């Protein structure tokens, strides 16, 4: 499917072309799964949200209107599915990040790095949902403000406000932890 535009892939997928559907999934599934995992902190739940996102995509593709990028739309669906799941089962947001240690590091350095990563993850998880969503899309998934705002269904100004509050809260909490 190399060399075929996304618009053409969407049209082919809507017509039932399995290769076009597979190409869309292969291109967009990693981002959708990462967004879902970062919001839910549960691998199985993230997989379920990812599958549900693409099931909805196949149902709506025949009526697809090219107003947004497919990736933006998919992230919007995933965020909404995550919100629904979080509403149903509060406060179970526990899962471990995969261990990512440098084999050249000494064990004490690896432990320090792992603990720092866990502290950052806990801080991000403690943010209000909308701030965490904005930070996930922009900082972790590299979306621009316009695309992230569209995915969240808010204005760019509202997104920037959420990002500013999230960053201030993280800086404040980190500063307090260093003073203690």
Protein backbone atom coordinates (compact mmCIF):
# COMPACT_ATOMS: atom_id res chain seq x y z
CA UNK A 1 0.00 0.00 0.00
CA UNK A 2 3.07 2.20 -0.25
CA UNK A 3 2.57 5.32 -2.32
CA UNK A 4 -1.20 5.40 -1.81
CA UNK A 5 -2.59 8.47 -0.05
CA UNK A 6 -4.43 8.06 3.21
CA UNK A 7 -7.60 9.37 1.56
CA UNK A 8 -7.35 6.58 -1.03
CA UNK A 9 -6.65 4.01 1.70
CA UNK A 10 -9.75 5.18 3.56
CA UNK A 11 -11.87 4.88 0.40
CA UNK A 12 -10.50 1.41 -0.31
CA UNK A 13 -10.97 0.31 3.31
CA UNK A 14 -14.56 1.59 3.23
CA UNK A 15 -15.13 -0.55 0.16
CA UNK A 16 -13.92 -3.62 2.07
CA UNK A 17 -10.32 -3.81 0.85
CA UNK A 18 -8.62 -5.85 3.61
CA UNK A 19 -5.14 -4.66 2.63
CA UNK A 20 -6.19 -1.01 2.95
CA UNK A 21 -7.79 -1.75 6.31
CA UNK A 22 -4.63 -3.50 7.49
CA UNK A 23 -2.50 -0.59 6.30
CA UNK A 24 -4.62 1.89 8.29
CA UNK A 25 -4.44 -0.30 11.38
CA UNK A 26 -0.67 -0.76 11.06
CA UNK A 27 -0.14 2.97 10.67
CA UNK A 28 -2.44 4.20 13.45
CA UNK A 29 -2.73 1.40 16.01
CA UNK A 30 0.51 2.17 17.89
CA UNK A 31 -0.52 5.78 18.60
CA UNK A 32 -4.07 4.81 19.60
CA UNK A 33 -2.75 2.10 21.94
CA UNK A 34 -0.18 4.44 23.55
CA UNK A 35 -2.80 7.12 24.17
CA UNK A 36 -5.17 4.56 25.69
CA UNK A 37 -2.44 3.01 27.82
CA UNK A 38 -1.21 6.36 29.13
CA UNK A 39 -4.74 7.34 30.10
CA UNK A 40 -5.84 3.98 31.53
CA UNK A 41 -2.51 2.50 32.77
CA UNK A 42 -3.80 -0.96 31.96
CA UNK A 43 -2.49 -2.96 28.99
CA UNK A 44 -5.61 -5.07 28.51
CA UNK A 45 -7.91 -2.06 28.74
CA UNK A 46 -5.71 -0.21 26.23
CA UNK A 47 -5.94 -3.17 23.84
CA UNK A 48 -9.72 -3.26 24.24
CA UNK A 49 -10.00 0.48 23.56
CA UNK A 50 -7.75 0.14 20.52
CA UNK A 51 -9.86 -2.68 19.10
CA UNK A 52 -13.08 -0.78 19.78
CA UNK A 53 -11.65 2.32 18.10
CA UNK A 54 -10.95 0.41 14.89
CA UNK A 55 -14.28 -1.42 15.00
CA UNK A 56 -15.95 1.98 15.08
CA UNK A 57 -13.71 3.15 12.25
CA UNK A 58 -14.82 0.32 9.97
CA UNK A 59 -18.47 1.06 10.71
CA UNK A 60 -18.13 4.76 9.90
CA UNK A 61 -15.69 4.65 6.96
CA UNK A 62 -18.41 4.49 4.28
CA UNK A 63 -19.65 7.89 5.54
CA UNK A 64 -16.14 9.32 6.17
CA UNK A 65 -15.89 13.06 5.61
CA UNK A 66 -12.35 14.23 5.17
CA UNK A 67 -12.56 17.05 7.75
CA UNK A 68 -9.84 15.74 10.04
CA UNK A 69 -6.88 13.43 9.76
CA UNK A 70 -7.73 9.81 10.41
CA UNK A 71 -5.20 9.76 13.28
CA UNK A 72 -6.90 12.74 14.95
CA UNK A 73 -10.29 11.10 14.64
CA UNK A 74 -8.95 7.77 15.98
CA UNK A 75 -7.38 9.50 18.99
CA UNK A 76 -10.65 11.33 19.66
CA UNK A 77 -12.54 8.04 19.70
CA UNK A 78 -9.90 6.43 21.91
CA UNK A 79 -9.95 9.33 24.39
CA UNK A 80 -13.74 9.16 24.63
CA UNK A 81 -13.67 5.40 25.15
CA UNK A 82 -11.03 5.87 27.87
CA UNK A 83 -13.16 8.53 29.58
CA UNK A 84 -16.12 6.14 29.57
CA UNK A 85 -14.03 3.36 31.11
CA UNK A 86 -12.56 5.67 33.75
CA UNK A 87 -16.02 6.88 34.75
CA UNK A 88 -17.17 3.29 35.20
CA UNK A 89 -14.31 2.21 37.39
CA UNK A 90 -12.59 4.84 39.39
CA UNK A 91 -9.72 4.77 41.02
CA UNK A 92 -8.02 1.67 39.59
CA UNK A 93 -5.19 3.18 37.52
CA UNK A 94 -2.30 0.95 38.41
CA UNK A 95 0.11 -0.78 36.09
CA UNK A 96 3.84 -0.82 35.84
CA UNK A 97 5.80 0.85 33.12
CA UNK A 98 8.04 -1.50 31.20
CA UNK A 99 11.50 -1.58 32.66
CA UNK A 100 13.81 0.39 30.39
CA UNK A 101 17.26 0.25 31.81
CA UNK A 102 20.53 0.84 30.06
CA UNK A 103 22.62 -2.36 30.31
CA UNK A 104 25.72 -0.16 30.64
CA UNK A 105 24.36 1.43 33.83
CA UNK A 106 25.33 0.32 37.27
CA UNK A 107 22.49 -1.27 39.24
CA UNK A 108 22.18 1.74 41.55
CA UNK A 109 21.90 4.09 38.55
CA UNK A 110 19.28 1.85 36.95
CA UNK A 111 17.30 1.82 40.20
CA UNK A 112 17.50 5.62 40.48
CA UNK A 113 16.31 5.97 36.89
CA UNK A 114 13.45 3.54 37.42
CA UNK A 115 12.35 5.31 40.62
CA UNK A 116 12.50 8.71 38.91
CA UNK A 117 10.36 7.36 36.06
CA UNK A 118 7.86 5.96 38.53
CA UNK A 119 7.67 9.33 40.33
CA UNK A 120 7.04 11.15 37.06
CA UNK A 121 4.40 8.60 36.05
CA UNK A 122 2.69 9.00 39.43
CA UNK A 123 2.78 12.79 39.11
CA UNK A 124 1.28 12.70 35.63
CA UNK A 125 -1.35 10.20 36.81
CA UNK A 126 -2.29 12.54 39.67
CA UNK A 127 -3.19 15.36 37.28
CA UNK A 128 -6.87 15.98 36.56
CA UNK A 129 -8.09 13.89 33.62
CA UNK A 130 -8.27 16.69 31.03
CA UNK A 131 -4.79 17.98 31.93
CA UNK A 132 -3.41 14.45 31.69
CA UNK A 133 -5.09 13.95 28.30
CA UNK A 134 -3.64 17.22 26.95
CA UNK A 135 -0.16 16.39 28.24
CA UNK A 136 -0.34 12.85 26.84
CA UNK A 137 -1.28 14.01 23.36
CA UNK A 138 1.21 16.89 23.15
CA UNK A 139 4.20 15.77 25.21
CA UNK A 140 4.12 12.00 24.77
CA UNK A 141 2.49 11.61 21.35
CA UNK A 142 3.98 14.74 19.80
CA UNK A 143 0.72 16.15 18.48
CA UNK A 144 0.58 19.83 17.71
CA UNK A 145 -1.78 22.01 19.71
CA UNK A 146 -4.36 22.23 16.91
CA UNK A 147 -4.47 18.47 16.38
CA UNK A 148 -4.59 17.71 20.12
CA UNK A 149 -7.32 20.30 20.68
CA UNK A 150 -9.35 18.76 17.87
CA UNK A 151 -8.84 15.27 19.29
CA UNK A 152 -10.06 16.46 22.69
CA UNK A 153 -12.95 18.45 21.22
CA UNK A 154 -11.81 21.77 22.70
CA UNK A 155 -10.37 25.06 21.46
CA UNK A 156 -6.63 25.57 21.08
CA UNK A 157 -6.80 28.20 23.82
CA UNK A 158 -8.45 25.71 26.20
CA UNK A 159 -5.79 23.13 25.36
CA UNK A 160 -3.00 25.62 26.02
CA UNK A 161 -4.61 26.48 29.33
CA UNK A 162 -4.77 22.79 30.29
CA UNK A 163 -1.13 22.30 29.29
CA UNK A 164 -0.04 25.36 31.26
CA UNK A 165 -1.86 24.21 34.38
CA UNK A 166 -0.47 20.68 34.03
CA UNK A 167 3.10 21.93 33.63
CA UNK A 168 2.79 24.36 36.55
CA UNK A 169 1.40 21.59 38.76
CA UNK A 170 4.22 19.22 37.78
CA UNK A 171 6.89 21.89 38.39
CA UNK A 172 5.36 22.83 41.74
CA UNK A 173 5.14 19.23 42.91
CA UNK A 174 8.69 18.47 41.80
CA UNK A 175 10.01 21.59 43.54
CA UNK A 176 8.19 20.64 46.76
CA UNK A 177 9.64 17.12 46.59
CA UNK A 178 13.18 18.48 46.20
CA UNK A 179 12.74 20.78 49.21
CA UNK A 180 11.54 17.92 51.40
